Protein backbone atom coordinates (compact mmCIF):
# COMPACT_ATOMS: atom_id res chain seq x y z
CA MET A 1 84.70 51.96 86.76
CA ASN A 2 81.48 50.02 86.32
CA LEU A 3 79.10 51.07 89.06
CA PRO A 4 76.35 48.80 90.38
CA PRO A 5 72.76 49.39 89.26
CA ASP A 6 70.57 51.76 91.23
CA ASP A 7 70.20 50.66 94.84
CA PRO A 8 66.63 50.78 96.17
CA LYS A 9 68.02 52.08 99.48
CA PHE A 10 69.52 55.17 97.86
CA ASP A 11 66.35 57.29 97.70
CA GLU A 12 65.74 56.89 101.43
CA PHE A 13 69.44 57.54 102.07
CA LEU A 14 69.35 60.72 99.97
CA LEU A 15 66.33 61.97 101.94
CA ILE A 16 68.35 61.67 105.17
CA ILE A 17 71.20 63.66 103.60
CA LEU A 18 68.96 66.42 102.23
CA GLU A 19 67.09 66.81 105.53
CA LYS A 20 70.41 67.21 107.31
CA GLN A 21 71.44 69.96 104.89
CA ASP A 22 68.80 72.25 106.42
CA GLN A 23 70.30 71.97 109.92
CA GLU A 24 73.04 74.10 111.46
CA ASN A 25 75.33 71.11 111.83
CA ASN A 26 74.92 69.61 108.37
CA LYS A 27 77.81 67.13 108.47
CA VAL A 28 77.13 63.43 107.80
CA MET A 29 79.46 60.43 108.06
CA VAL A 30 78.60 57.43 105.88
CA PHE A 31 80.13 53.97 106.19
CA SER A 32 80.22 51.05 103.82
CA SER A 33 82.38 47.92 103.85
CA PHE A 34 82.51 47.81 100.03
CA ARG A 35 84.50 50.12 97.77
CA HIS A 36 82.18 49.76 94.80
CA THR A 37 79.32 50.94 97.04
CA LEU A 38 81.38 53.95 98.16
CA PHE A 39 82.18 54.89 94.54
CA TYR A 40 78.50 54.47 93.66
CA LEU A 41 77.41 56.75 96.54
CA GLU A 42 80.07 59.32 95.65
CA GLU A 43 78.88 59.62 92.04
CA LYS A 44 75.18 59.61 92.95
CA LEU A 45 75.56 62.26 95.67
CA LYS A 46 77.66 64.51 93.43
CA SER A 47 74.95 64.28 90.78
CA GLU A 48 72.51 65.58 93.42
CA GLY A 49 74.76 68.57 94.15
CA VAL A 50 76.05 67.25 97.48
CA ARG A 51 79.67 68.08 98.36
CA VAL A 52 81.32 64.72 99.04
CA GLY A 53 84.65 63.41 100.31
CA LEU A 54 85.83 59.79 100.15
CA VAL A 55 88.32 58.07 102.47
CA TYR A 56 89.34 54.44 102.10
CA GLY A 57 92.47 52.36 102.61
CA ASP A 58 94.48 53.74 99.69
CA VAL A 59 94.03 57.40 100.70
CA LYS A 60 97.28 58.79 102.18
CA ASP A 61 97.41 60.25 105.69
CA GLU A 62 98.03 63.82 104.49
CA GLU A 63 95.03 63.67 102.15
CA ARG A 64 92.90 62.30 105.01
CA LEU A 65 93.94 65.27 107.16
CA MET A 66 93.09 67.66 104.34
CA LEU A 67 89.69 66.03 103.76
CA ARG A 68 88.94 66.15 107.49
CA ARG A 69 89.71 69.89 107.57
CA HIS A 70 87.33 70.49 104.66
CA PHE A 71 84.71 68.32 106.36
CA GLU A 72 85.05 70.25 109.61
CA GLY A 73 84.95 73.63 107.87
CA SER A 74 81.93 75.89 107.77
CA ARG A 75 79.34 75.24 105.06
CA GLU A 76 79.92 78.77 103.75
CA VAL A 77 83.45 77.84 102.68
CA GLU A 78 83.59 77.03 98.99
CA ASN A 79 85.56 73.76 99.32
CA SER A 80 83.69 72.56 102.41
CA ILE A 81 82.56 68.92 102.49
CA ASP A 82 79.07 68.02 103.73
CA VAL A 83 79.18 64.21 103.47
CA MET A 84 82.21 62.02 104.13
CA LEU A 85 82.19 58.44 102.84
CA PHE A 86 84.33 55.94 104.74
CA SER A 87 85.43 52.38 104.31
CA GLU A 88 86.18 50.26 107.39
CA VAL A 89 89.90 51.04 107.24
CA GLY A 90 89.34 54.61 106.17
CA CYS A 91 87.80 55.62 109.49
CA GLU A 92 90.90 54.80 111.53
CA GLY A 93 93.20 57.37 113.09
CA LEU A 94 91.08 60.55 113.12
CA ASP A 95 88.11 61.62 115.20
CA TYR A 96 85.06 63.51 113.95
CA GLN A 97 83.28 64.67 117.10
CA PHE A 98 82.12 67.82 115.31
CA CYS A 99 79.72 65.56 113.35
CA ASP A 100 76.61 64.17 115.06
CA LEU A 101 74.99 62.02 112.35
CA MET A 102 76.26 58.68 111.07
CA VAL A 103 74.76 56.48 108.37
CA ASN A 104 75.70 52.81 108.15
CA TYR A 105 74.85 52.17 104.51
CA ASP A 106 75.68 48.55 105.21
CA LEU A 107 76.48 46.90 108.53
CA PRO A 108 79.41 44.62 109.28
CA TRP A 109 78.51 41.47 111.17
CA ASN A 110 81.28 42.11 113.68
CA PRO A 111 79.91 44.17 116.63
CA MET A 112 83.38 45.52 117.42
CA ARG A 113 83.61 47.11 113.97
CA ILE A 114 80.29 48.81 114.55
CA GLU A 115 81.63 50.12 117.86
CA GLN A 116 84.71 51.45 116.10
CA ARG A 117 82.54 53.34 113.64
CA ILE A 118 80.42 54.89 116.38
CA GLY A 119 83.55 55.76 118.34
CA ARG A 120 84.65 58.20 115.65
CA ILE A 121 81.90 60.66 116.67
CA ASP A 122 80.56 59.49 120.04
CA ARG A 123 83.50 60.64 122.14
CA ARG A 124 84.78 63.48 124.29
CA GLY A 125 84.41 66.81 122.50
CA GLN A 126 81.05 65.94 120.94
CA LYS A 127 78.98 69.12 121.35
CA SER A 128 75.58 67.57 120.61
CA GLU A 129 73.65 65.98 123.44
CA ALA A 130 73.05 62.89 121.31
CA VAL A 131 74.37 61.44 118.09
CA ALA A 132 72.01 60.01 115.46
CA ILE A 133 72.80 56.69 113.81
CA TYR A 134 70.88 55.49 110.74
CA ASN A 135 71.24 51.85 109.69
CA MET A 136 70.19 51.14 106.10
CA ILE A 137 68.72 47.63 106.16
CA THR A 138 67.01 45.89 103.26
CA PRO A 139 63.95 43.98 104.60
CA ASP A 140 63.69 40.20 104.26
CA THR A 141 67.44 39.65 103.88
CA VAL A 142 70.06 37.84 105.93
CA ASP A 143 71.40 41.26 106.96
CA ALA A 144 67.97 42.21 108.28
CA ASP A 145 67.77 38.99 110.32
CA ILE A 146 71.23 39.55 111.83
CA TYR A 147 70.39 43.17 112.62
CA GLU A 148 67.00 42.48 114.21
CA ARG A 149 67.70 39.13 115.89
CA CYS A 150 71.23 39.71 117.12
CA LEU A 151 72.86 43.14 116.81
CA LEU A 152 69.93 45.08 118.29
CA ARG A 153 69.65 42.60 121.15
CA ILE A 154 73.32 42.98 121.98
CA GLY A 155 72.75 46.71 122.47
CA VAL A 156 75.68 47.81 120.33
CA PHE A 157 73.84 50.95 119.18
CA GLU A 158 72.68 52.07 122.62
CA GLU A 159 75.81 51.85 124.78
CA SER A 160 79.49 51.11 124.54
CA ILE A 161 80.35 47.45 125.00
CA GLY A 162 84.01 47.81 124.13
CA ASP A 163 85.11 46.56 127.55
CA CYS A 164 83.77 43.14 126.53
CA GLU A 165 86.01 42.88 123.47
CA GLU A 166 87.33 39.46 124.43
CA ILE A 167 83.78 38.09 124.51
CA LEU A 168 82.70 39.90 121.37
CA GLY A 169 85.81 38.90 119.44
CA GLY A 170 84.40 35.58 118.27
CA ILE A 171 80.74 36.50 117.87
CA HIS A 172 81.04 37.62 114.26
CA ARG A 173 82.43 34.20 113.34
CA GLU A 174 79.40 32.55 114.90
CA ILE A 175 77.11 34.99 113.12
CA ARG A 176 78.80 34.20 109.82
CA GLY A 177 78.57 30.48 110.54
CA ILE A 178 74.82 30.79 111.00
CA ALA A 179 74.35 33.07 107.97
CA ASP A 180 76.39 30.84 105.67
CA ASN A 181 74.72 27.60 106.77
CA MET A 182 72.68 26.65 103.72
CA LYS A 183 71.00 23.79 105.61
CA LEU A 184 69.03 26.27 107.74
CA ASN A 185 65.74 27.72 106.54
CA GLU A 186 64.75 31.29 107.43
CA ALA A 187 62.94 30.35 110.63
CA GLU A 188 65.82 28.17 111.83
CA ARG A 189 68.35 30.87 111.02
CA ARG A 190 66.40 33.47 112.98
CA GLU A 191 66.05 31.10 115.92
CA LYS A 192 69.80 30.41 115.91
CA LEU A 193 70.56 34.15 115.85
CA GLU A 194 68.24 34.77 118.77
CA GLN A 195 69.87 31.95 120.72
CA LEU A 196 73.26 33.49 120.04
CA ALA A 197 72.04 36.87 121.26
CA ASP A 198 70.27 35.46 124.33
CA ASN A 199 72.86 32.89 125.42
CA GLU A 200 76.33 33.93 124.28
CA ILE A 201 75.82 37.68 124.64
CA SER A 202 74.44 37.24 128.16
CA LYS A 203 78.09 36.88 129.20
CA ILE A 204 78.54 40.54 128.31
CA HIS A 205 75.81 41.59 130.69
CA GLU A 206 77.16 39.27 133.38
CA GLN A 207 80.61 40.82 133.09
CA GLN A 208 79.21 44.36 133.10
CA ALA A 209 77.08 43.55 136.14
CA LEU A 210 80.14 42.13 137.85
CA GLU A 211 82.08 45.33 137.20
CA ASP A 212 79.19 47.44 138.49
CA ARG A 213 79.10 45.47 141.72
CA GLU A 214 82.82 44.98 142.28
CA HIS A 215 82.83 46.79 145.62
CA GLU A 216 79.88 44.82 146.96
CA LEU A 217 81.23 41.46 145.83
CA PHE A 218 84.95 41.78 146.34
CA GLY A 219 85.42 44.53 148.90
CA ILE A 220 87.34 46.79 146.51
CA ARG A 221 86.43 50.08 144.97
CA LEU A 222 88.10 51.32 141.84
CA PRO A 223 89.32 54.93 141.90
CA LYS A 224 86.75 57.13 140.24
CA PHE A 225 88.71 57.48 137.03
CA THR A 226 85.98 57.81 134.45
CA VAL A 227 86.89 57.87 130.79
CA ASP A 228 86.22 61.60 130.65
CA HIS A 229 88.54 62.15 133.61
CA GLU A 230 91.35 60.17 132.01
CA VAL A 231 90.98 62.01 128.72
CA ARG A 232 90.84 65.32 130.56
CA GLU A 233 94.01 64.46 132.47
CA SER A 234 95.82 63.47 129.29
CA GLU A 235 94.99 66.66 127.41
CA SER A 236 98.19 68.61 127.01
CA TYR A 237 98.55 72.31 127.54
CA TRP A 238 101.52 72.10 125.24
CA LEU A 239 99.50 71.08 122.16
CA THR A 240 97.40 74.22 121.76
CA PRO A 241 98.19 76.27 118.64
CA GLU A 242 99.71 79.01 120.82
CA SER A 243 101.96 76.53 122.63
CA ILE A 244 103.11 74.90 119.40
CA GLN A 245 103.94 78.32 117.98
CA ARG A 246 106.03 79.21 121.03
CA PHE A 247 107.72 75.81 120.84
CA VAL A 248 108.65 76.28 117.17
CA ALA A 249 109.86 79.83 117.84
CA GLU A 250 112.08 78.55 120.68
CA TYR A 251 113.56 75.92 118.38
CA LEU A 252 114.29 78.44 115.63
CA ASN A 253 115.88 80.87 118.08
CA LYS A 254 118.18 78.18 119.45
CA ARG A 255 119.00 76.63 116.07
CA VAL A 256 119.27 79.71 113.86
CA GLY A 257 119.80 82.58 116.28
CA ASP A 258 117.55 85.16 117.86
CA GLY A 259 115.09 86.78 115.52
CA ASP A 260 111.47 87.26 114.50
CA PHE A 261 110.84 84.28 112.25
CA ILE A 262 107.06 83.95 112.59
CA LEU A 263 105.31 87.09 111.35
CA GLY A 264 101.66 88.06 111.65
CA GLU A 265 99.09 88.51 114.41
CA LYS A 266 96.25 86.66 112.67
CA ASP A 267 95.84 82.91 112.18
CA LEU A 268 97.46 83.09 108.74
CA LYS A 269 101.16 83.83 109.29
CA THR A 270 104.44 84.04 107.41
CA LEU A 271 107.53 82.02 108.25
CA ARG A 272 110.66 83.93 107.23
CA LEU A 273 114.02 82.15 107.11
CA SER A 274 117.19 83.15 105.31
CA GLN A 275 119.03 80.74 103.02
CA ASN A 276 121.50 79.89 105.79
CA ALA A 277 118.67 79.38 108.30
CA ARG A 278 116.79 77.10 105.89
CA ASN A 279 119.94 75.05 105.36
CA LEU A 280 120.28 74.49 109.12
CA VAL A 281 116.62 73.53 109.46
CA LEU A 282 116.97 71.26 106.40
CA GLU A 283 119.86 69.45 108.11
CA ASP A 284 117.63 68.73 111.11
CA HIS A 285 114.83 67.60 108.83
CA ARG A 286 117.03 65.12 106.97
CA ARG A 287 118.49 63.87 110.23
CA MET A 288 115.00 62.67 111.17
CA ASN A 289 114.99 60.30 108.14
CA PRO A 290 111.48 61.42 107.17
CA GLN A 291 109.14 59.29 105.10
CA ARG A 292 108.42 60.49 101.57
CA THR A 293 104.94 61.80 102.34
CA PRO A 294 103.35 64.81 100.60
CA MET A 295 103.63 66.88 103.78
CA ASN A 296 107.33 66.09 104.19
CA ARG A 297 108.01 66.65 100.50
CA ALA A 298 106.30 70.05 100.54
CA TRP A 299 108.27 71.10 103.61
CA GLU A 300 111.60 69.91 102.16
CA LYS A 301 110.84 71.57 98.82
CA TRP A 302 110.47 74.96 100.49
CA LEU A 303 113.61 74.50 102.61
CA LYS A 304 115.63 73.63 99.49
CA GLY A 305 114.17 76.46 97.41
CA SER A 306 115.20 80.10 97.02
CA GLU A 307 112.07 81.71 98.53
CA GLN A 308 112.69 82.88 102.10
CA HIS A 309 108.99 83.27 102.96
CA CYS A 310 106.26 80.66 103.24
CA VAL A 311 102.67 80.93 104.48
CA ILE A 312 101.91 78.90 107.61
CA THR A 313 99.16 78.52 110.19
CA PHE A 314 98.83 76.79 113.54
CA ASP A 315 95.02 76.87 113.39
CA SER A 316 93.05 73.94 111.92
CA ALA A 317 90.11 76.05 110.73
CA CYS A 318 92.46 78.44 108.94
CA ALA A 319 94.27 75.49 107.36
CA ALA A 320 90.94 74.18 106.05
CA ASP A 321 90.27 77.52 104.35
CA HIS A 322 93.78 77.76 102.84
CA ARG A 323 94.70 74.43 101.29
CA GLU A 324 98.20 75.43 100.16
CA THR A 325 99.22 76.64 103.61
CA HIS A 326 101.73 74.71 105.70
CA PHE A 327 99.62 73.55 108.67
CA ILE A 328 102.04 73.43 111.63
CA MET A 329 100.46 70.87 113.97
CA PRO A 330 102.04 68.20 116.22
CA LEU A 331 102.71 65.81 113.30
CA HIS A 332 104.28 68.42 111.02
CA PRO A 333 108.01 67.79 110.38
CA LEU A 334 108.91 71.23 111.76
CA VAL A 335 107.38 70.33 115.13
CA LEU A 336 108.89 66.85 115.15
CA GLN A 337 112.40 68.08 114.41
CA ALA A 338 111.98 70.86 116.99
CA ALA A 339 111.09 68.24 119.61
CA HIS A 340 114.13 66.17 118.64
CA PHE A 341 116.47 69.18 118.70
CA LEU A 342 115.24 70.57 122.04
CA GLU A 343 115.19 67.21 123.81
CA THR A 344 117.56 67.44 126.74
CA ALA A 345 118.20 65.70 130.04
CA ASP A 346 119.14 68.95 131.77
CA PRO A 347 116.48 71.33 133.16
CA VAL A 348 115.83 74.62 131.39
CA TYR A 349 116.03 77.93 133.26
CA THR A 350 113.68 80.69 132.18
CA ALA A 351 111.73 83.78 133.26
CA LEU A 352 108.09 84.43 132.37
CA ARG A 353 105.70 87.33 132.71
CA VAL A 354 101.92 86.99 133.06
CA ASN A 355 99.23 89.65 133.28
CA ASP A 356 96.40 88.71 135.65
CA SER A 357 94.29 91.50 137.12
CA GLU A 358 92.88 89.16 139.78
CA ALA A 359 96.22 87.84 141.02
CA GLU A 360 98.51 89.27 143.66
CA PRO A 361 101.50 90.88 141.85
CA GLY A 362 104.97 89.60 142.59
CA GLU A 363 107.83 87.39 141.46
CA PHE A 364 107.60 83.68 142.23
CA LEU A 365 110.10 80.90 141.79
CA PHE A 366 108.64 77.84 140.11
CA ALA A 367 109.68 74.46 138.81
CA ILE A 368 108.11 71.90 136.50
CA TYR A 369 108.80 68.22 137.12
CA ALA A 370 108.10 65.32 134.79
CA TRP A 371 106.48 62.38 136.56
CA GLU A 372 106.72 59.11 134.68
CA TYR A 373 104.24 56.64 136.14
CA LYS A 374 105.27 52.97 136.03
CA GLY A 375 102.86 50.11 136.57
CA ILE A 376 99.61 48.92 135.04
CA ARG A 377 98.80 52.27 133.44
CA PRO A 378 102.01 54.02 132.27
CA GLU A 379 101.60 57.77 132.10
CA LEU A 380 103.66 60.93 131.82
CA LYS A 381 102.54 64.01 133.71
CA LEU A 382 104.05 67.49 134.07
CA VAL A 383 103.70 68.87 137.59
CA PRO A 384 104.20 72.56 138.51
CA VAL A 385 105.76 73.36 141.90
CA CYS A 386 105.65 76.75 143.60
CA GLU A 387 105.59 77.98 147.19
CA ASN A 388 102.57 80.11 146.34
CA SER A 389 99.62 77.71 146.11
CA SER A 390 97.58 80.08 143.91
CA VAL A 391 100.36 80.30 141.34
CA ARG A 392 100.75 76.51 141.44
CA ASP A 393 97.04 75.87 140.96
CA ASN A 394 96.72 78.35 138.09
CA PHE A 395 100.09 77.71 136.47
CA PHE A 396 98.90 75.78 133.43
CA ASP A 397 96.08 78.28 132.87
CA TYR A 398 98.77 80.96 132.63
CA ILE A 399 100.75 78.84 130.19
CA GLU A 400 97.70 78.10 128.06
CA SER A 401 96.56 81.72 127.89
CA GLY A 402 100.03 82.86 126.96
CA VAL A 403 103.11 84.12 128.71
CA GLU A 404 105.93 86.44 127.74
CA ILE A 405 109.46 85.09 127.99
CA LEU A 406 111.76 87.64 129.63
CA SER A 407 115.10 87.04 127.93
CA GLY A 408 116.88 89.78 129.88
CA GLN A 409 115.62 88.80 133.33
CA ALA A 410 118.36 87.94 135.82
CA LEU A 411 117.82 84.43 137.19
CA PRO A 412 118.67 83.37 140.73
CA GLU A 413 121.38 80.84 141.50
CA GLU A 414 120.53 77.14 141.42
CA ASN A 415 120.58 76.99 145.22
CA ALA A 416 117.56 79.30 145.30
CA PHE A 417 115.42 76.46 143.93
CA LYS A 418 116.31 73.98 146.67
CA GLU A 419 113.22 74.86 148.67
CA LEU A 420 111.11 73.94 145.63
CA ASP A 421 112.79 70.56 145.55
CA LYS A 422 111.64 69.94 149.13
CA ILE A 423 108.07 70.94 148.24
CA HIS A 424 108.22 68.66 145.22
CA HIS A 425 109.47 65.75 147.30
CA ASP A 426 106.46 66.03 149.61
CA LEU A 427 104.07 66.12 146.62
CA TRP A 428 105.88 63.22 144.95
CA SER A 429 105.91 61.06 148.10
CA LYS A 430 102.17 61.53 148.61
CA GLU A 431 101.38 60.82 144.96
CA LYS A 432 103.64 57.76 144.94
CA GLU A 433 101.78 56.30 147.92
CA GLU A 434 98.43 56.96 146.22
CA HIS A 435 99.77 55.48 142.99
CA HIS A 436 100.69 52.27 144.80
CA THR A 437 97.21 52.11 146.34
CA ARG A 438 95.49 52.75 142.99
CA THR A 439 97.66 50.19 141.24
CA LYS A 440 96.87 47.55 143.87
CA GLU A 441 93.12 48.22 143.60
CA ILE A 442 93.17 48.16 139.80
CA SER A 443 95.26 44.99 139.83
CA SER A 444 92.79 43.29 142.19
CA PHE A 445 89.85 44.29 140.02
CA GLN A 446 91.55 43.22 136.80
CA ARG A 447 92.53 39.91 138.35
CA VAL A 448 88.92 39.16 139.36
CA SER A 449 87.62 40.32 135.97
CA LEU A 450 90.26 38.24 134.19
CA GLU A 451 89.44 35.15 136.22
CA THR A 452 85.71 35.58 135.62
CA SER A 453 86.02 36.02 131.87
CA HIS A 454 88.53 33.15 131.70
CA LYS A 455 86.18 30.80 133.52
CA GLY A 456 83.37 31.86 131.20
CA ARG A 457 85.40 31.18 128.07
CA GLN A 458 86.67 27.85 129.36
CA SER A 459 83.15 26.83 130.34
CA VAL A 460 81.80 27.57 126.85
CA ILE A 461 84.63 25.66 125.15
CA ALA A 462 84.30 22.73 127.58
CA GLU A 463 80.57 22.55 126.85
CA GLN A 464 81.28 22.55 123.12
CA LEU A 465 83.85 19.83 123.67
CA ASP A 466 81.35 17.67 125.59
CA ASN A 467 78.70 18.10 122.92
CA SER A 468 80.98 17.29 119.99
CA THR A 469 81.39 13.80 118.55
CA ASN A 470 83.72 14.82 115.72
CA GLU A 471 87.27 13.88 116.73
CA LYS A 472 88.89 16.77 114.80
CA ILE A 473 86.61 19.31 116.45
CA ARG A 474 87.29 17.74 119.86
CA LYS A 475 91.05 18.07 119.32
CA MET A 476 90.62 21.69 118.24
CA LYS A 477 88.51 22.49 121.33
CA GLN A 478 91.00 20.76 123.61
CA ALA A 479 93.78 22.84 122.08
CA GLN A 480 91.70 25.96 122.69
CA LEU A 481 91.34 25.03 126.35
CA THR A 482 95.10 24.58 126.67
CA ASN A 483 95.92 27.79 124.82
CA ASN A 484 93.38 29.82 126.82
CA GLN A 485 94.86 28.52 130.07
CA ALA A 486 98.38 29.47 128.97
CA ASP A 487 97.14 32.91 127.87
CA PHE A 488 95.36 33.38 131.20
CA GLU A 489 98.48 32.51 133.18
CA ARG A 490 100.60 34.83 131.01
CA LYS A 491 98.23 37.75 131.63
CA LEU A 492 98.24 37.08 135.38
CA ALA A 493 102.04 37.09 135.36
CA GLU A 494 102.10 40.39 133.43
CA LEU A 495 99.67 41.84 135.97
CA ASP A 496 101.92 40.77 138.85
CA VAL A 497 104.98 42.33 137.20
CA ALA A 498 103.12 45.59 136.51
CA GLN A 499 101.86 45.79 140.09
CA SER A 500 105.25 45.05 141.67
CA GLY A 501 106.90 47.63 139.40
CA ALA A 502 104.55 50.47 140.35
CA ASP A 503 106.61 53.63 140.82
CA ILE A 504 106.89 57.27 139.81
CA HIS A 505 110.16 58.41 138.28
CA ALA A 506 110.56 62.17 138.67
CA ARG A 507 112.97 64.63 137.09
CA PRO A 508 113.03 68.44 136.86
CA VAL A 509 112.55 69.86 133.38
CA VAL A 510 112.14 73.61 134.04
CA PHE A 511 113.22 76.05 136.74
CA GLY A 512 112.25 79.69 136.51
CA VAL A 513 110.77 82.92 137.74
CA LEU A 514 107.15 83.85 137.10
CA LYS A 515 106.51 87.60 137.23
CA LEU A 516 102.82 88.31 137.90
CA GLU A 517 101.51 91.74 136.97
CA GLY A 518 98.02 93.02 137.63
């Protein structure tokens, strides 16, 4: 491939990379919208001895996962990656919050794309107090004008403005219209960009100010569901490596028969299945109609082969150090087919043992209910129920830290769990009432926000319509007014349906006995 000539920005870019190499967290993400630039950077960095990975649209999902593991791995690991190069499409789907430095080798003119880039590292789980963002801008260019006169003024690099996506959606078209207008000289172009930033983007600040003052203006107060809280609530205890291992073991025991199939106490383990067992697991795998991806092919190849052992791990760091290992994570075919096989409408009965030196010893009946929230924000939540409040409050901590399943434990009759059903009903009734209240408040807020943004959009289009003398443009603007009104009414109707349908559907998924030992 013919690479472009040396870029004058590269020397400054390389200095940023080399300075980062001396720090404890030496990982750097680099973005470019152009493949030839990415290939150029890859070759130049490799020639400087920098360990580089490249992800763009043609890179398969499994290879992206593998590259991410090498990128996340310690610098001492031989195949570790220090700098990851990304295209616009290449950054989608995976998060890199272990990295705290991003370089935009070139900047898209669409503010939302910049936000998407930043969102890969500036998110929950980021250990650094701040993330550093370098923007490589060539002075005295159109890009420099757009960056200085518009993008900086919007504030896209200082704070998230993703909530204003509807407003931002069309800004890049206006930016491009100004940049591509050959009738404008440099001074006129800069003035137009500043007007765009000062006038059009002011709607963003108006909407944000409105949201900040919603209680004062409209007499409503949104529940204090911050983004962190929502993410924290959605984190699943069942997706830890330990939980996935127990889940896979349960599947194998039910599908193949009782046995020790996962061997090893360390992160690197051995999966041992006989020929007959592999045939049964292969049947389940084929029943899923898997795509022909490298991960699925590797899994099917082992199941069809004659070797009864394969090396596996449930730990991402271990998988990064051992490239040929089967990494058993939520998207691995073994986990997916286990979920499909174990899916049942009937509750499971089980007995568990937990060691907790600080807890009062005893045996406690428990239940786990699945609550499916209906309404504006659909959600699925697993809720533990137990007469003992301490056991209930600490239940998921016990599950996360590990429990022992007591296969020989005698379980009580179903009637013994009726008292738990009464406790659950009280919890469910209270939560349902709160859910209705939250849904009503959120609906009221969204309605006001929707009306405000709709009026703003219609006002801008109406002003453009009044100022236009071109009949084609006037027809286009009139059509926009009509379409926006129809879209607004559709969204209001969807909001009404979501609010009226607010409910919590509950069903029991597990009944059991928890044996606490000090």
